[in-house]
């Protein structure tokens, strides 16, 4: 997980260079098709938001977004507590999603709707895209907001695929393997988060679709890759033991 965090944040060490590589057009074009001419983010914000304020429903969506930082790891902790025999397999799939997603962030740095909007990269019909999390953050957190955002902001050009959505879907899957009630909670959260990500301007709908495809691909390939992973683990453990013996 630490390797993922480093890989996720490292491209933004040079913000100007990363911005020069950022892809803006293709997710916008895809979402205009999915939204029948207008991106789903713009449709939702036009229909339900009032400029200059963040209403109660939007605050709920912002909280849903913030809660995500605990969801993937919290879900695995719950699996460890209730079904420890499932933990290794669940963790491998969850972090397989994280680490595979990081490859895409290096290869195709992609702008989310709010970033494209602030730089005038969207057509005129979409210039009003708001980033409500940043609007509401200082009001709720006060002086803590800036340091929190600095720590958690990481890399703004890591939108494709949406790992927020992908890891929440994987959390729903692993919780479903524990029982129907935790599974229902996981699926309800994933659905609400999906709405929040699009409504709040954090992701295009196509980012979520790509995240879902990543999750299902990892789940589908996991049984085939398990034998090779176990062999690699035995090799690494052998090297570790040799190093201890030599020390």
Protein backbone atom coordinates (compact mmCIF):
# COMPACT_ATOMS: atom_id res chain seq x y z
CA UNK A 1 0.00 0.00 0.00
CA UNK A 2 2.87 2.37 0.71
CA UNK A 3 4.25 1.57 -2.73
CA UNK A 4 0.87 2.46 -4.23
CA UNK A 5 0.75 5.81 -2.40
CA UNK A 6 4.23 6.67 -3.66
CA UNK A 7 3.35 5.66 -7.22
CA UNK A 8 0.09 7.63 -7.04
CA UNK A 9 1.66 10.87 -5.81
CA UNK A 10 5.00 10.77 -7.63
CA UNK A 11 3.82 12.04 -11.05
CA UNK A 12 2.63 15.23 -9.34
CA UNK A 13 6.13 15.99 -8.09
CA UNK A 14 6.38 18.11 -11.27
CA UNK A 15 2.88 19.62 -11.58
CA UNK A 16 3.59 21.59 -14.76
CA UNK A 17 5.00 18.60 -16.60
CA UNK A 18 2.10 16.45 -15.47
CA UNK A 19 -0.43 19.09 -16.55
CA UNK A 20 1.22 19.17 -19.97
CA UNK A 21 0.60 15.42 -20.33
CA UNK A 22 -2.93 15.48 -18.92
CA UNK A 23 -5.70 14.02 -21.09
CA UNK A 24 -8.82 16.18 -21.06
CA UNK A 25 -10.76 15.44 -24.22
CA UNK A 26 -11.50 11.72 -24.27
CA UNK A 27 -13.38 11.39 -20.93
CA UNK A 28 -15.39 14.51 -21.75
CA UNK A 29 -16.32 13.11 -25.17
CA UNK A 30 -17.30 9.77 -23.64
CA UNK A 31 -19.44 11.41 -20.95
CA UNK A 32 -21.22 13.60 -23.47
CA UNK A 33 -22.24 10.42 -25.26
CA UNK A 34 -23.31 8.77 -22.00
CA UNK A 35 -25.22 11.91 -21.01
CA UNK A 36 -26.90 12.29 -24.42
CA UNK A 37 -25.09 15.49 -25.27
CA UNK A 38 -24.44 16.90 -21.79
CA UNK A 39 -22.15 15.28 -19.24
CA UNK A 40 -23.92 13.66 -16.26
CA UNK A 41 -22.03 15.95 -13.86
CA UNK A 42 -23.40 19.05 -15.57
CA UNK A 43 -26.91 17.60 -15.73
CA UNK A 44 -26.90 16.82 -11.99
CA UNK A 45 -25.44 20.13 -10.89
CA UNK A 46 -27.77 22.13 -13.12
CA UNK A 47 -30.80 20.22 -11.87
CA UNK A 48 -30.13 20.11 -8.13
CA UNK A 49 -27.46 22.60 -7.04
CA UNK A 50 -27.70 26.31 -6.32
CA UNK A 51 -24.57 28.36 -7.09
CA UNK A 52 -22.82 29.74 -4.03
CA UNK A 53 -24.14 27.22 -1.50
CA UNK A 54 -23.76 23.55 -0.63
CA UNK A 55 -27.10 22.10 0.44
CA UNK A 56 -27.69 19.29 2.93
CA UNK A 57 -27.85 16.57 0.31
CA UNK A 58 -24.60 17.76 -1.23
CA UNK A 59 -22.98 17.83 2.21
CA UNK A 60 -24.02 14.20 2.66
CA UNK A 61 -22.35 13.36 -0.64
CA UNK A 62 -19.20 15.22 0.42
CA UNK A 63 -19.09 13.20 3.66
CA UNK A 64 -19.57 10.02 1.63
CA UNK A 65 -16.52 11.03 -0.39
CA UNK A 66 -14.43 11.76 2.70
CA UNK A 67 -15.43 8.47 4.35
CA UNK A 68 -13.91 6.60 1.42
CA UNK A 69 -10.40 7.02 2.87
CA UNK A 70 -11.34 4.47 5.55
CA UNK A 71 -13.54 2.15 3.48
CA UNK A 72 -11.12 -0.13 1.58
CA UNK A 73 -8.87 -0.75 4.59
CA UNK A 74 -11.75 -0.79 7.06
CA UNK A 75 -13.50 -3.43 4.98
CA UNK A 76 -10.41 -5.61 5.04
CA UNK A 77 -10.10 -5.12 8.80
CA UNK A 78 -13.69 -6.33 9.13
CA UNK A 79 -12.89 -9.40 7.01
CA UNK A 80 -9.85 -10.10 9.22
CA UNK A 81 -12.04 -9.88 12.32
CA UNK A 82 -15.00 -11.93 11.10
CA UNK A 83 -13.54 -14.25 8.44
CA UNK A 84 -9.77 -14.39 8.96
CA UNK A 85 -9.50 -17.32 6.55
CA UNK A 86 -10.67 -14.96 3.76
CA UNK A 87 -8.30 -12.13 4.63
CA UNK A 88 -5.26 -12.90 2.46
CA UNK A 89 -7.37 -13.44 -0.65
CA UNK A 90 -9.45 -10.30 0.01
CA UNK A 91 -6.38 -8.14 0.65
CA UNK A 92 -4.61 -9.39 -2.47
CA UNK A 93 -7.60 -8.47 -4.63
CA UNK A 94 -8.06 -5.07 -3.00
CA UNK A 95 -4.45 -4.03 -3.37
CA UNK A 96 -4.32 -5.58 -6.82
CA UNK A 97 -6.92 -2.97 -7.78
CA UNK A 98 -4.94 -0.16 -6.15
CA UNK A 99 -1.62 -1.10 -7.73
CA UNK A 100 -2.98 -1.79 -11.21
CA UNK A 101 -4.77 1.55 -11.15
CA UNK A 102 -1.50 3.33 -10.39
CA UNK A 103 -0.08 2.08 -13.71
CA UNK A 104 -2.83 3.93 -15.57
CA UNK A 105 -2.14 7.11 -13.58
CA UNK A 106 1.43 7.12 -14.87
CA UNK A 107 0.55 6.10 -18.44
CA UNK A 108 -2.54 8.24 -19.07
CA UNK A 109 -2.83 11.10 -16.54
CA UNK A 110 -6.44 12.16 -16.96
CA UNK A 111 -8.23 15.30 -15.76
CA UNK A 112 -11.41 15.12 -13.66
CA UNK A 113 -14.31 17.48 -14.49
CA UNK A 114 -13.42 20.10 -11.85
CA UNK A 115 -9.81 20.36 -13.05
CA UNK A 116 -10.80 20.69 -16.69
CA UNK A 117 -13.38 23.33 -15.78
CA UNK A 118 -11.00 25.52 -13.78
CA UNK A 119 -8.63 25.64 -16.76
CA UNK A 120 -11.29 26.48 -19.32
CA UNK A 121 -10.86 23.14 -21.02
CA UNK A 122 -14.56 22.31 -21.10
CA UNK A 123 -16.99 23.67 -23.67
CA UNK A 124 -19.08 26.63 -22.57
CA UNK A 125 -22.04 24.46 -21.59
CA UNK A 126 -19.94 22.92 -18.80
CA UNK A 127 -17.98 25.85 -17.39
CA UNK A 128 -20.11 25.91 -14.25
CA UNK A 129 -18.81 22.58 -12.93
CA UNK A 130 -18.21 23.06 -9.20
CA UNK A 131 -15.95 21.18 -6.81
CA UNK A 132 -18.24 21.12 -3.81
CA UNK A 133 -15.84 19.23 -1.58
CA UNK A 134 -13.42 22.17 -1.70
CA UNK A 135 -16.28 24.66 -1.27
CA UNK A 136 -17.54 22.93 1.88
CA UNK A 137 -14.22 21.71 3.31
CA UNK A 138 -13.10 24.99 4.94
CA UNK A 139 -16.57 25.54 6.40
CA UNK A 140 -16.59 22.15 8.11
CA UNK A 141 -12.91 21.66 9.02
CA UNK A 142 -11.90 25.28 9.61
CA UNK A 143 -8.15 25.70 9.98
CA UNK A 144 -7.57 21.96 9.59
CA UNK A 145 -8.76 21.95 6.00
CA UNK A 146 -5.57 23.16 4.31
CA UNK A 147 -3.21 20.62 5.97
CA UNK A 148 -5.76 17.84 5.43
CA UNK A 149 -6.11 18.71 1.77
CA UNK A 150 -2.34 18.89 1.33
CA UNK A 151 -1.97 15.38 2.75
CA UNK A 152 -4.93 13.74 1.02
CA UNK A 153 -4.99 15.70 -2.25
CA UNK A 154 -2.05 13.78 -3.67
CA UNK A 155 -2.42 13.87 -7.44
CA UNK A 156 -5.35 15.72 -9.06
CA UNK A 157 -4.69 14.13 -12.46
CA UNK A 158 -5.37 10.54 -11.41
CA UNK A 159 -8.97 10.18 -12.52
CA UNK A 160 -8.94 7.27 -14.96
CA UNK A 161 -9.90 4.74 -13.76
CA UNK A 162 -11.69 5.88 -10.59
CA UNK A 163 -10.04 3.96 -7.77
CA UNK A 164 -12.50 5.54 -5.35
CA UNK A 165 -15.24 3.59 -7.10
CA UNK A 166 -13.15 0.53 -8.01
CA UNK A 167 -11.98 -0.14 -4.46
CA UNK A 168 -15.46 0.52 -3.06
CA UNK A 169 -16.84 -2.12 -5.40
CA UNK A 170 -14.13 -4.53 -4.29
CA UNK A 171 -15.01 -3.72 -0.68
CA UNK A 172 -18.63 -4.60 -1.43
CA UNK A 173 -17.53 -7.92 -2.92
CA UNK A 174 -15.30 -8.93 -0.01
CA UNK A 175 -17.92 -7.85 2.54
CA UNK A 176 -20.53 -9.93 0.70
CA UNK A 177 -18.32 -12.95 1.24
CA UNK A 178 -18.57 -12.34 4.99
CA UNK A 179 -22.35 -12.11 5.08
CA UNK A 180 -25.46 -10.55 3.50
CA UNK A 181 -25.73 -7.65 5.94
CA UNK A 182 -22.16 -6.32 5.56
CA UNK A 183 -22.49 -6.99 1.84
CA UNK A 184 -25.63 -4.86 1.65
CA UNK A 185 -23.85 -2.07 3.51
CA UNK A 186 -20.93 -2.29 1.09
CA UNK A 187 -23.12 -2.17 -2.01
CA UNK A 188 -25.21 0.71 -0.64
CA UNK A 189 -22.04 2.68 0.06
CA UNK A 190 -20.55 1.95 -3.37
CA UNK A 191 -23.72 3.13 -5.10
CA UNK A 192 -23.92 6.32 -3.03
CA UNK A 193 -20.24 7.04 -3.60
CA UNK A 194 -20.68 6.58 -7.34
CA UNK A 195 -23.40 9.23 -7.35
CA UNK A 196 -21.27 11.51 -5.16
CA UNK A 197 -18.20 11.28 -7.39
CA UNK A 198 -20.12 12.31 -10.49
CA UNK A 199 -22.37 14.90 -8.82
CA UNK A 200 -19.51 16.61 -6.98
CA UNK A 201 -17.38 16.96 -10.10
CA UNK A 202 -14.68 14.57 -8.88
CA UNK A 203 -15.03 12.04 -11.70
CA UNK A 204 -16.66 11.55 -15.06
CA UNK A 205 -19.13 8.68 -15.35
CA UNK A 206 -16.74 6.94 -17.75
CA UNK A 207 -14.08 6.97 -14.98
CA UNK A 208 -16.47 4.95 -12.81
CA UNK A 209 -17.20 2.51 -15.62
CA UNK A 210 -13.47 1.98 -16.10
CA UNK A 211 -13.06 1.50 -12.33
CA UNK A 212 -15.78 -1.14 -12.31
CA UNK A 213 -14.12 -2.91 -15.24
CA UNK A 214 -10.80 -2.90 -13.37
CA UNK A 215 -12.38 -4.42 -10.26
CA UNK A 216 -14.14 -7.17 -12.17
CA UNK A 217 -10.98 -7.92 -14.16
CA UNK A 218 -8.95 -8.33 -10.97
CA UNK A 219 -11.64 -10.59 -9.49
CA UNK A 220 -11.77 -12.68 -12.66
CA UNK A 221 -8.01 -13.08 -12.99
CA UNK A 222 -7.30 -13.69 -9.30
CA UNK A 223 -7.90 -17.48 -9.34
CA UNK A 224 -5.58 -17.89 -12.33
CA UNK A 225 -2.81 -15.77 -10.81
CA UNK A 226 -2.95 -17.27 -7.33
CA UNK A 227 -0.59 -20.24 -8.00
CA UNK A 228 2.08 -17.97 -9.48
CA UNK A 229 1.68 -15.51 -6.60
CA UNK A 230 2.11 -18.30 -4.05
CA UNK A 231 5.26 -19.51 -5.79
CA UNK A 232 6.66 -15.98 -5.78
CA UNK A 233 5.82 -15.64 -2.09
CA UNK A 234 7.73 -18.85 -1.31
CA UNK A 235 10.75 -17.60 -3.26
CA UNK A 236 10.73 -14.28 -1.42
CA UNK A 237 10.34 -16.00 1.93
CA UNK A 238 13.30 -18.24 1.11
CA UNK A 239 15.42 -15.21 0.26
CA UNK A 240 14.38 -13.57 3.50
CA UNK A 241 15.36 -16.61 5.53
CA UNK A 242 18.73 -16.81 3.76
CA UNK A 243 19.35 -13.17 4.55
CA UNK A 244 18.55 -13.74 8.22
CA UNK A 245 20.84 -16.74 8.33
CA UNK A 246 23.68 -14.85 6.65
CA UNK A 247 23.24 -11.92 9.06
